[in-house]
PDB file of N, CA and C in Angstrom:
ATOM      1  N   UNK A   1    -100.020 128.608  -0.759  1.00  0.00           N
ATOM      2  CA  UNK A   1    -101.165 128.065  -1.473  1.00  0.00           C
ATOM      3  C   UNK A   1    -100.649 127.919  -2.949  1.00  0.00           C
ATOM      4  N   UNK A   2    -101.090 126.851  -3.493  1.00  0.00           N
ATOM      5  CA  UNK A   2    -100.667 126.560  -4.934  1.00  0.00           C
ATOM      6  C   UNK A   2    -101.956 126.082  -5.671  1.00  0.00           C
ATOM      7  N   UNK A   3    -102.012 126.271  -6.938  1.00  0.00           N
ATOM      8  CA  UNK A   3    -103.141 125.784  -7.725  1.00  0.00           C
ATOM      9  C   UNK A   3    -102.827 124.542  -8.436  1.00  0.00           C
ATOM     10  N   UNK A   4    -101.545 124.101  -8.317  1.00  0.00           N
ATOM     11  CA  UNK A   4    -101.147 122.808  -8.855  1.00  0.00           C
ATOM     12  C   UNK A   4    -100.768 122.944 -10.330  1.00  0.00           C
ATOM     13  N   UNK A   5    -100.814 124.065 -10.861  1.00  0.00           N
ATOM     14  CA  UNK A   5    -100.426 124.288 -12.311  1.00  0.00           C
ATOM     15  C   UNK A   5     -99.322 125.310 -12.581  1.00  0.00           C
ATOM     16  N   UNK A   6     -99.367 125.969 -13.684  1.00  0.00           N
ATOM     17  CA  UNK A   6     -98.316 126.817 -14.078  1.00  0.00           C
ATOM     18  C   UNK A   6     -98.902 128.206 -13.906  1.00  0.00           C
ATOM     19  N   UNK A   7    -100.165 128.525 -13.393  1.00  0.00           N
ATOM     20  CA  UNK A   7    -100.698 129.843 -13.167  1.00  0.00           C
ATOM     21  C   UNK A   7    -100.333 130.130 -11.733  1.00  0.00           C
ATOM     22  N   UNK A   8     -99.909 131.332 -11.588  1.00  0.00           N
ATOM     23  CA  UNK A   8     -99.447 131.699 -10.177  1.00  0.00           C
ATOM     24  C   UNK A   8    -100.612 131.757  -9.330  1.00  0.00           C
ATOM     25  N   UNK A   9    -100.437 131.327  -8.052  1.00  0.00           N
ATOM     26  CA  UNK A   9    -101.369 131.368  -6.940  1.00  0.00           C
ATOM     27  C   UNK A   9    -100.856 132.294  -5.898  1.00  0.00           C
ATOM     28  N   UNK A  10    -101.708 132.834  -4.940  1.00  0.00           N
ATOM     29  CA  UNK A  10    -101.256 133.708  -3.937  1.00  0.00           C
ATOM     30  C   UNK A  10    -100.389 133.056  -2.882  1.00  0.00           C
ATOM     31  N   UNK A  11     -99.686 133.893  -2.193  1.00  0.00           N
ATOM     32  CA  UNK A  11     -98.724 133.420  -1.099  1.00  0.00           C
ATOM     33  C   UNK A  11     -99.172 134.146   0.156  1.00  0.00           C
ATOM     34  N   UNK A  12     -99.281 133.360   1.096  1.00  0.00           N
ATOM     35  CA  UNK A  12     -99.833 133.852   2.482  1.00  0.00           C
ATOM     36  C   UNK A  12     -98.721 133.595   3.609  1.00  0.00           C
ATOM     37  N   UNK A  13     -98.629 134.568   4.432  1.00  0.00           N
ATOM     38  CA  UNK A  13     -97.557 134.317   5.451  1.00  0.00           C
ATOM     39  C   UNK A  13     -98.081 134.846   6.792  1.00  0.00           C
ATOM     40  N   UNK A  14     -97.787 134.077   7.875  1.00  0.00           N
ATOM     41  CA  UNK A  14     -98.131 134.455   9.285  1.00  0.00           C
ATOM     42  C   UNK A  14     -96.853 133.934  10.168  1.00  0.00           C
ATOM     43  N   UNK A  15     -96.417 134.831  10.974  1.00  0.00           N
ATOM     44  CA  UNK A  15     -95.298 134.697  11.826  1.00  0.00           C
ATOM     45  C   UNK A  15     -95.660 135.139  13.244  1.00  0.00           C
ATOM     46  N   UNK A  16     -95.035 134.519  14.240  1.00  0.00           N
ATOM     47  CA  UNK A  16     -95.345 134.947  15.620  1.00  0.00           C
ATOM     48  C   UNK A  16     -93.985 135.078  16.308  1.00  0.00           C
ATOM     49  N   UNK A  17     -93.790 136.219  17.000  1.00  0.00           N
ATOM     50  CA  UNK A  17     -92.564 136.491  17.823  1.00  0.00           C
ATOM     51  C   UNK A  17     -93.108 136.255  19.349  1.00  0.00           C
ATOM     52  N   UNK A  18     -92.509 135.374  20.015  1.00  0.00           N
ATOM     53  CA  UNK A  18     -92.964 135.049  21.344  1.00  0.00           C
ATOM     54  C   UNK A  18     -91.859 134.853  22.312  1.00  0.00           C
ATOM     55  N   UNK A  19     -92.043 134.816  23.607  1.00  0.00           N
ATOM     56  CA  UNK A  19     -91.135 134.573  24.584  1.00  0.00           C
ATOM     57  C   UNK A  19     -91.117 132.972  24.696  1.00  0.00           C
ATOM     58  N   UNK A  20     -89.989 132.281  24.514  1.00  0.00           N
ATOM     59  CA  UNK A  20     -89.985 130.882  24.440  1.00  0.00           C
ATOM     60  C   UNK A  20     -90.228 130.333  25.984  1.00  0.00           C
ATOM     61  N   UNK A  21     -89.928 131.095  26.886  1.00  0.00           N
ATOM     62  CA  UNK A  21     -90.226 130.650  28.385  1.00  0.00           C
ATOM     63  C   UNK A  21     -91.584 130.565  28.740  1.00  0.00           C
ATOM     64  N   UNK A  22     -92.448 131.529  28.198  1.00  0.00           N
ATOM     65  CA  UNK A  22     -93.832 131.698  28.536  1.00  0.00           C
ATOM     66  C   UNK A  22     -94.782 131.307  27.379  1.00  0.00           C
ATOM     67  N   UNK A  23     -94.396 131.320  26.150  1.00  0.00           N
ATOM     68  CA  UNK A  23     -95.174 131.123  25.049  1.00  0.00           C
ATOM     69  C   UNK A  23     -95.962 132.387  24.744  1.00  0.00           C
ATOM     70  N   UNK A  24     -95.825 133.546  25.536  1.00  0.00           N
ATOM     71  CA  UNK A  24     -96.540 134.748  25.276  1.00  0.00           C
ATOM     72  C   UNK A  24     -96.013 135.519  24.146  1.00  0.00           C
ATOM     73  N   UNK A  25     -96.870 136.042  23.224  1.00  0.00           N
ATOM     74  CA  UNK A  25     -96.554 136.795  22.001  1.00  0.00           C
ATOM     75  C   UNK A  25     -96.011 138.058  22.523  1.00  0.00           C
ATOM     76  N   UNK A  26     -95.078 138.676  21.672  1.00  0.00           N
ATOM     77  CA  UNK A  26     -94.357 140.047  21.961  1.00  0.00           C
ATOM     78  C   UNK A  26     -94.899 140.988  20.941  1.00  0.00           C
ATOM     79  N   UNK A  27     -95.633 141.986  21.394  1.00  0.00           N
ATOM     80  CA  UNK A  27     -96.310 143.088  20.512  1.00  0.00           C
ATOM     81  C   UNK A  27     -95.182 144.037  20.110  1.00  0.00           C
ATOM     82  N   UNK A  28     -95.393 144.659  18.962  1.00  0.00           N
ATOM     83  CA  UNK A  28     -94.665 145.803  18.507  1.00  0.00           C
ATOM     84  C   UNK A  28     -93.202 145.524  17.934  1.00  0.00           C
ATOM     85  N   UNK A  29     -93.017 144.251  17.682  1.00  0.00           N
ATOM     86  CA  UNK A  29     -91.664 143.899  17.124  1.00  0.00           C
ATOM     87  C   UNK A  29     -91.534 144.057  15.712  1.00  0.00           C
ATOM     88  N   UNK A  30     -90.576 144.661  15.080  1.00  0.00           N
ATOM     89  CA  UNK A  30     -90.477 144.790  13.621  1.00  0.00           C
ATOM     90  C   UNK A  30     -89.740 143.558  13.083  1.00  0.00           C
ATOM     91  N   UNK A  31     -90.368 142.812  12.230  1.00  0.00           N
ATOM     92  CA  UNK A  31     -89.685 141.637  11.644  1.00  0.00           C
ATOM     93  C   UNK A  31     -89.517 141.768  10.224  1.00  0.00           C
ATOM     94  N   UNK A  32     -88.353 141.483   9.664  1.00  0.00           N
ATOM     95  CA  UNK A  32     -88.162 141.654   8.126  1.00  0.00           C
ATOM     96  C   UNK A  32     -88.049 140.191   7.701  1.00  0.00           C
ATOM     97  N   UNK A  33     -88.824 139.829   6.676  1.00  0.00           N
ATOM     98  CA  UNK A  33     -88.895 138.591   6.026  1.00  0.00           C
ATOM     99  C   UNK A  33     -88.234 138.632   4.635  1.00  0.00           C
ATOM    100  N   UNK A  34     -87.401 137.737   4.341  1.00  0.00           N
ATOM    101  CA  UNK A  34     -86.829 137.656   3.015  1.00  0.00           C
ATOM    102  C   UNK A  34     -87.370 136.528   2.277  1.00  0.00           C
ATOM    103  N   UNK A  35     -87.645 136.653   1.025  1.00  0.00           N
ATOM    104  CA  UNK A  35     -88.291 135.544   0.168  1.00  0.00           C
ATOM    105  C   UNK A  35     -87.458 135.424  -1.110  1.00  0.00           C
ATOM    106  N   UNK A  36     -87.051 134.111  -1.349  1.00  0.00           N
ATOM    107  CA  UNK A  36     -86.433 133.781  -2.638  1.00  0.00           C
ATOM    108  C   UNK A  36     -87.267 132.714  -3.303  1.00  0.00           C
ATOM    109  N   UNK A  37     -87.236 132.851  -4.628  1.00  0.00           N
ATOM    110  CA  UNK A  37     -87.971 131.825  -5.473  1.00  0.00           C
ATOM    111  C   UNK A  37     -87.004 131.301  -6.459  1.00  0.00           C
ATOM    112  N   UNK A  38     -86.803 129.921  -6.477  1.00  0.00           N
ATOM    113  CA  UNK A  38     -85.889 129.251  -7.316  1.00  0.00           C
ATOM    114  C   UNK A  38     -84.454 129.781  -7.171  1.00  0.00           C
ATOM    115  N   UNK A  39     -84.047 130.144  -5.891  1.00  0.00           N
ATOM    116  CA  UNK A  39     -82.763 130.586  -5.595  1.00  0.00           C
ATOM    117  C   UNK A  39     -82.500 132.083  -5.877  1.00  0.00           C
ATOM    118  N   UNK A  40     -83.489 132.789  -6.311  1.00  0.00           N
ATOM    119  CA  UNK A  40     -83.305 134.243  -6.716  1.00  0.00           C
ATOM    120  C   UNK A  40     -84.044 135.074  -5.742  1.00  0.00           C
ATOM    121  N   UNK A  41     -83.424 135.979  -5.203  1.00  0.00           N
ATOM    122  CA  UNK A  41     -84.104 136.962  -4.220  1.00  0.00           C
ATOM    123  C   UNK A  41     -85.273 137.593  -4.860  1.00  0.00           C
ATOM    124  N   UNK A  42     -86.462 137.598  -4.168  1.00  0.00           N
ATOM    125  CA  UNK A  42     -87.557 138.145  -4.805  1.00  0.00           C
ATOM    126  C   UNK A  42     -88.083 139.400  -4.030  1.00  0.00           C
ATOM    127  N   UNK A  43     -88.050 139.377  -2.763  1.00  0.00           N
ATOM    128  CA  UNK A  43     -88.601 140.513  -1.985  1.00  0.00           C
ATOM    129  C   UNK A  43     -88.370 140.419  -0.610  1.00  0.00           C
ATOM    130  N   UNK A  44     -88.436 141.610   0.037  1.00  0.00           N
ATOM    131  CA  UNK A  44     -88.280 141.588   1.570  1.00  0.00           C
ATOM    132  C   UNK A  44     -89.639 142.254   2.033  1.00  0.00           C
ATOM    133  N   UNK A  45     -90.088 141.840   3.173  1.00  0.00           N
ATOM    134  CA  UNK A  45     -91.291 142.464   3.780  1.00  0.00           C
ATOM    135  C   UNK A  45     -90.921 142.876   5.222  1.00  0.00           C
ATOM    136  N   UNK A  46     -91.351 143.981   5.550  1.00  0.00           N
ATOM    137  CA  UNK A  46     -91.131 144.504   7.006  1.00  0.00           C
ATOM    138  C   UNK A  46     -92.615 144.534   7.661  1.00  0.00           C
ATOM    139  N   UNK A  47     -92.704 143.673   8.570  1.00  0.00           N
ATOM    140  CA  UNK A  47     -94.029 143.608   9.271  1.00  0.00           C
ATOM    141  C   UNK A  47     -93.821 143.943  10.778  1.00  0.00           C
ATOM    142  N   UNK A  48     -94.916 144.338  11.495  1.00  0.00           N
ATOM    143  CA  UNK A  48     -94.909 144.673  12.827  1.00  0.00           C
ATOM    144  C   UNK A  48     -95.895 143.716  13.529  1.00  0.00           C
ATOM    145  N   UNK A  49     -95.480 143.057  14.697  1.00  0.00           N
ATOM    146  CA  UNK A  49     -96.323 142.267  15.413  1.00  0.00           C
ATOM    147  C   UNK A  49     -97.527 142.985  16.088  1.00  0.00           C
ATOM    148  N   UNK A  50     -98.694 142.358  16.226  1.00  0.00           N
ATOM    149  CA  UNK A  50     -99.738 142.835  16.897  1.00  0.00           C
ATOM    150  C   UNK A  50     -99.672 142.459  18.403  1.00  0.00           C
ATOM    151  N   UNK A  51    -100.802 142.733  19.154  1.00  0.00           N
ATOM    152  CA  UNK A  51    -100.852 142.516  20.611  1.00  0.00           C
ATOM    153  C   UNK A  51    -100.492 141.083  21.005  1.00  0.00           C
ATOM    154  N   UNK A  52    -100.623 140.031  20.103  1.00  0.00           N
ATOM    155  CA  UNK A  52    -100.390 138.683  20.379  1.00  0.00           C
ATOM    156  C   UNK A  52     -99.077 138.209  19.801  1.00  0.00           C
ATOM    157  N   UNK A  53     -98.288 139.203  19.255  1.00  0.00           N
ATOM    158  CA  UNK A  53     -96.951 138.846  18.704  1.00  0.00           C
ATOM    159  C   UNK A  53     -97.009 138.347  17.206  1.00  0.00           C
ATOM    160  N   UNK A  54     -98.128 138.501  16.603  1.00  0.00           N
ATOM    161  CA  UNK A  54     -98.423 138.013  15.286  1.00  0.00           C
ATOM    162  C   UNK A  54     -98.255 139.090  14.214  1.00  0.00           C
ATOM    163  N   UNK A  55     -97.690 138.738  13.102  1.00  0.00           N
ATOM    164  CA  UNK A  55     -97.710 139.516  11.893  1.00  0.00           C
ATOM    165  C   UNK A  55     -98.059 138.689  10.729  1.00  0.00           C
ATOM    166  N   UNK A  56     -98.877 139.225   9.845  1.00  0.00           N
ATOM    167  CA  UNK A  56     -99.227 138.385   8.609  1.00  0.00           C
ATOM    168  C   UNK A  56     -99.507 139.260   7.424  1.00  0.00           C
ATOM    169  N   UNK A  57     -99.484 138.555   6.225  1.00  0.00           N
ATOM    170  CA  UNK A  57     -99.731 139.114   4.997  1.00  0.00           C
ATOM    171  C   UNK A  57    -100.550 138.100   4.236  1.00  0.00           C
ATOM    172  N   UNK A  58    -101.593 138.714   3.509  1.00  0.00           N
ATOM    173  CA  UNK A  58    -102.462 137.881   2.736  1.00  0.00           C
ATOM    174  C   UNK A  58    -102.422 138.153   1.283  1.00  0.00           C
ATOM    175  N   UNK A  59    -102.151 137.124   0.461  1.00  0.00           N
ATOM    176  CA  UNK A  59    -102.218 137.296  -1.017  1.00  0.00           C
ATOM    177  C   UNK A  59    -101.047 137.862  -1.668  1.00  0.00           C
ATOM    178  N   UNK A  60     -99.899 137.751  -1.082  1.00  0.00           N
ATOM    179  CA  UNK A  60     -98.671 138.415  -1.734  1.00  0.00           C
ATOM    180  C   UNK A  60     -98.518 137.807  -3.093  1.00  0.00           C
ATOM    181  N   UNK A  61     -97.518 138.443  -3.839  1.00  0.00           N
ATOM    182  CA  UNK A  61     -97.393 137.969  -5.280  1.00  0.00           C
ATOM    183  C   UNK A  61     -97.261 136.488  -5.352  1.00  0.00           C
ATOM    184  N   UNK A  62     -97.724 135.921  -6.344  1.00  0.00           N
ATOM    185  CA  UNK A  62     -97.961 134.451  -6.534  1.00  0.00           C
ATOM    186  C   UNK A  62     -96.644 133.592  -6.914  1.00  0.00           C
ATOM    187  N   UNK A  63     -96.916 132.333  -6.770  1.00  0.00           N
ATOM    188  CA  UNK A  63     -95.862 131.354  -7.294  1.00  0.00           C
ATOM    189  C   UNK A  63     -96.598 130.111  -7.866  1.00  0.00           C
ATOM    190  N   UNK A  64     -95.940 129.237  -8.493  1.00  0.00           N
ATOM    191  CA  UNK A  64     -96.492 128.086  -9.170  1.00  0.00           C
ATOM    192  C   UNK A  64     -95.978 126.821  -8.316  1.00  0.00           C
ATOM    193  N   UNK A  65     -96.660 125.692  -8.589  1.00  0.00           N
ATOM    194  CA  UNK A  65     -96.300 124.541  -7.794  1.00  0.00           C
ATOM    195  C   UNK A  65     -94.807 124.116  -8.094  1.00  0.00           C
ATOM    196  N   UNK A  66     -94.296 124.508  -9.234  1.00  0.00           N
ATOM    197  CA  UNK A  66     -93.020 124.136  -9.539  1.00  0.00           C
ATOM    198  C   UNK A  66     -91.912 125.039  -8.957  1.00  0.00           C
ATOM    199  N   UNK A  67     -92.345 126.117  -8.345  1.00  0.00           N
ATOM    200  CA  UNK A  67     -91.422 127.097  -7.785  1.00  0.00           C
ATOM    201  C   UNK A  67     -90.933 126.476  -6.442  1.00  0.00           C
ATOM    202  N   UNK A  68     -89.545 126.722  -6.229  1.00  0.00           N
ATOM    203  CA  UNK A  68     -88.968 126.437  -4.906  1.00  0.00           C
ATOM    204  C   UNK A  68     -88.932 127.703  -4.156  1.00  0.00           C
ATOM    205  N   UNK A  69     -89.647 127.796  -2.995  1.00  0.00           N
ATOM    206  CA  UNK A  69     -89.614 129.040  -2.162  1.00  0.00           C
ATOM    207  C   UNK A  69     -88.698 128.912  -0.999  1.00  0.00           C
ATOM    208  N   UNK A  70     -88.055 129.962  -0.518  1.00  0.00           N
ATOM    209  CA  UNK A  70     -87.268 129.876   0.682  1.00  0.00           C
ATOM    210  C   UNK A  70     -87.632 131.251   1.442  1.00  0.00           C
ATOM    211  N   UNK A  71     -87.907 131.038   2.650  1.00  0.00           N
ATOM    212  CA  UNK A  71     -88.257 132.166   3.577  1.00  0.00           C
ATOM    213  C   UNK A  71     -87.179 132.174   4.593  1.00  0.00           C
ATOM    214  N   UNK A  72     -86.823 133.487   4.948  1.00  0.00           N
ATOM    215  CA  UNK A  72     -85.813 133.641   5.985  1.00  0.00           C
ATOM    216  C   UNK A  72     -85.930 134.919   6.682  1.00  0.00           C
ATOM    217  N   UNK A  73     -85.331 135.121   7.766  1.00  0.00           N
ATOM    218  CA  UNK A  73     -85.436 136.350   8.540  1.00  0.00           C
ATOM    219  C   UNK A  73     -84.128 136.569   9.337  1.00  0.00           C
ATOM    220  N   UNK A  74     -83.665 137.848   9.524  1.00  0.00           N
ATOM    221  CA  UNK A  74     -82.483 138.152  10.195  1.00  0.00           C
ATOM    222  C   UNK A  74     -82.782 138.027  11.690  1.00  0.00           C
ATOM    223  N   UNK A  75     -81.793 138.404  12.548  1.00  0.00           N
ATOM    224  CA  UNK A  75     -81.897 138.333  13.870  1.00  0.00           C
ATOM    225  C   UNK A  75     -83.077 139.160  14.406  1.00  0.00           C
ATOM    226  N   UNK A  76     -83.836 138.746  15.343  1.00  0.00           N
ATOM    227  CA  UNK A  76     -84.997 139.358  15.823  1.00  0.00           C
ATOM    228  C   UNK A  76     -84.865 139.982  17.163  1.00  0.00           C
ATOM    229  N   UNK A  77     -85.086 141.218  17.447  1.00  0.00           N
ATOM    230  CA  UNK A  77     -84.857 141.803  18.718  1.00  0.00           C
ATOM    231  C   UNK A  77     -86.003 142.543  19.243  1.00  0.00           C
ATOM    232  N   UNK A  78     -86.327 142.428  20.528  1.00  0.00           N
ATOM    233  CA  UNK A  78     -87.399 143.073  21.186  1.00  0.00           C
ATOM    234  C   UNK A  78     -87.003 143.733  22.424  1.00  0.00           C
ATOM    235  N   UNK A  79     -87.468 144.901  22.857  1.00  0.00           N
ATOM    236  CA  UNK A  79     -87.021 145.470  24.046  1.00  0.00           C
ATOM    237  C   UNK A  79     -87.204 144.599  25.328  1.00  0.00           C
ATOM    238  N   UNK A  80     -86.202 144.423  26.071  1.00  0.00           N
ATOM    239  CA  UNK A  80     -86.239 143.695  27.257  1.00  0.00           C
ATOM    240  C   UNK A  80     -85.987 142.273  27.069  1.00  0.00           C
ATOM    241  N   UNK A  81     -85.734 141.771  25.792  1.00  0.00           N
ATOM    242  CA  UNK A  81     -85.498 140.276  25.459  1.00  0.00           C
ATOM    243  C   UNK A  81     -84.180 140.193  24.926  1.00  0.00           C
ATOM    244  N   UNK A  82     -83.573 139.006  24.928  1.00  0.00           N
ATOM    245  CA  UNK A  82     -82.328 138.703  24.375  1.00  0.00           C
ATOM    246  C   UNK A  82     -82.639 138.544  22.781  1.00  0.00           C
ATOM    247  N   UNK A  83     -81.773 139.006  21.971  1.00  0.00           N
ATOM    248  CA  UNK A  83     -81.906 138.930  20.456  1.00  0.00           C
ATOM    249  C   UNK A  83     -81.960 137.361  20.165  1.00  0.00           C
ATOM    250  N   UNK A  84     -82.938 137.012  19.347  1.00  0.00           N
ATOM    251  CA  UNK A  84     -83.047 135.695  18.819  1.00  0.00           C
ATOM    252  C   UNK A  84     -82.376 135.626  17.488  1.00  0.00           C
ATOM    253  N   UNK A  85     -81.597 134.509  17.174  1.00  0.00           N
ATOM    254  CA  UNK A  85     -80.946 134.359  15.954  1.00  0.00           C
ATOM    255  C   UNK A  85     -81.908 134.258  14.815  1.00  0.00           C
ATOM    256  N   UNK A  86     -81.390 134.699  13.698  1.00  0.00           N
ATOM    257  CA  UNK A  86     -82.251 134.558  12.451  1.00  0.00           C
ATOM    258  C   UNK A  86     -82.180 133.237  11.841  1.00  0.00           C
ATOM    259  N   UNK A  87     -82.945 132.975  10.877  1.00  0.00           N
ATOM    260  CA  UNK A  87     -83.092 131.693  10.255  1.00  0.00           C
ATOM    261  C   UNK A  87     -83.111 131.932   8.680  1.00  0.00           C
ATOM    262  N   UNK A  88     -82.300 131.324   7.945  1.00  0.00           N
ATOM    263  CA  UNK A  88     -82.318 131.474   6.540  1.00  0.00           C
ATOM    264  C   UNK A  88     -83.255 130.485   5.754  1.00  0.00           C
ATOM    265  N   UNK A  89     -83.774 129.561   6.419  1.00  0.00           N
ATOM    266  CA  UNK A  89     -84.703 128.523   5.688  1.00  0.00           C
ATOM    267  C   UNK A  89     -85.772 128.200   6.628  1.00  0.00           C
ATOM    268  N   UNK A  90     -86.963 128.901   6.748  1.00  0.00           N
ATOM    269  CA  UNK A  90     -88.140 128.615   7.485  1.00  0.00           C
ATOM    270  C   UNK A  90     -88.891 127.741   6.693  1.00  0.00           C
ATOM    271  N   UNK A  91     -89.499 126.581   7.231  1.00  0.00           N
ATOM    272  CA  UNK A  91     -90.389 125.650   6.597  1.00  0.00           C
ATOM    273  C   UNK A  91     -91.556 126.357   5.888  1.00  0.00           C
ATOM    274  N   UNK A  92     -91.861 125.999   4.765  1.00  0.00           N
ATOM    275  CA  UNK A  92     -93.129 126.553   4.018  1.00  0.00           C
ATOM    276  C   UNK A  92     -94.001 125.367   3.728  1.00  0.00           C
ATOM    277  N   UNK A  93     -95.218 125.576   3.974  1.00  0.00           N
ATOM    278  CA  UNK A  93     -96.255 124.479   3.665  1.00  0.00           C
ATOM    279  C   UNK A  93     -97.255 124.993   2.599  1.00  0.00           C
ATOM    280  N   UNK A  94     -97.683 124.057   1.866  1.00  0.00           N
ATOM    281  CA  UNK A  94     -98.774 124.320   0.867  1.00  0.00           C
ATOM    282  C   UNK A  94    -100.077 123.805   1.290  1.00  0.00           C
ATOM    283  N   UNK A  95    -101.115 124.634   1.185  1.00  0.00           N
ATOM    284  CA  UNK A  95    -102.425 124.229   1.644  1.00  0.00           C
ATOM    285  C   UNK A  95    -103.484 124.664   0.598  1.00  0.00           C
ATOM    286  N   UNK A  96    -104.547 123.931   0.546  1.00  0.00           N
ATOM    287  CA  UNK A  96    -105.690 124.351  -0.362  1.00  0.00           C
ATOM    288  C   UNK A  96    -106.371 125.494   0.278  1.00  0.00           C
ATOM    289  N   UNK A  97    -106.834 126.507  -0.488  1.00  0.00           N
ATOM    290  CA  UNK A  97    -107.719 127.571  -0.076  1.00  0.00           C
ATOM    291  C   UNK A  97    -107.039 128.553   0.639  1.00  0.00           C
ATOM    292  N   UNK A  98    -107.820 129.525   1.072  1.00  0.00           N
ATOM    293  CA  UNK A  98    -107.286 130.755   1.855  1.00  0.00           C
ATOM    294  C   UNK A  98    -107.164 130.433   3.246  1.00  0.00           C
ATOM    295  N   UNK A  99    -106.079 130.779   3.979  1.00  0.00           N
ATOM    296  CA  UNK A  99    -106.003 130.406   5.502  1.00  0.00           C
ATOM    297  C   UNK A  99    -106.963 131.276   6.233  1.00  0.00           C
ATOM    298  N   UNK A 100    -107.324 130.743   7.464  1.00  0.00           N
ATOM    299  CA  UNK A 100    -108.380 131.314   8.235  1.00  0.00           C
ATOM    300  C   UNK A 100    -107.909 132.669   8.691  1.00  0.00           C
ATOM    301  N   UNK A 101    -106.692 133.043   8.792  1.00  0.00           N
ATOM    302  CA  UNK A 101    -106.169 134.366   9.236  1.00  0.00           C
ATOM    303  C   UNK A 101    -106.389 135.458   8.185  1.00  0.00           C
ATOM    304  N   UNK A 102    -106.734 135.116   6.875  1.00  0.00           N
ATOM    305  CA  UNK A 102    -106.969 135.991   5.892  1.00  0.00           C
ATOM    306  C   UNK A 102    -108.480 136.016   5.652  1.00  0.00           C
TER     307      UNK A 102
END
């Protein structure tokens, strides 16, 4: 979320770990998310998925419309599943208002 100006607005994040064959979420998976702003590492978050395979955070430290954000994660592993490769550049979208999951 951005306010369109130079005052920082909150950052919201929702991820889902799921079985790509069934689409079923995988519960209890620890996921570490890395965040960079303008090419500088800002923070890492460690989240655990819920019963639907979803992990989320609401209102994390802000950013402005001119900031370039990059979200990434290392390999993800869940018991009984093959390790999924990490991604160093996950798409980030801007939306008005607070997302429904918050």
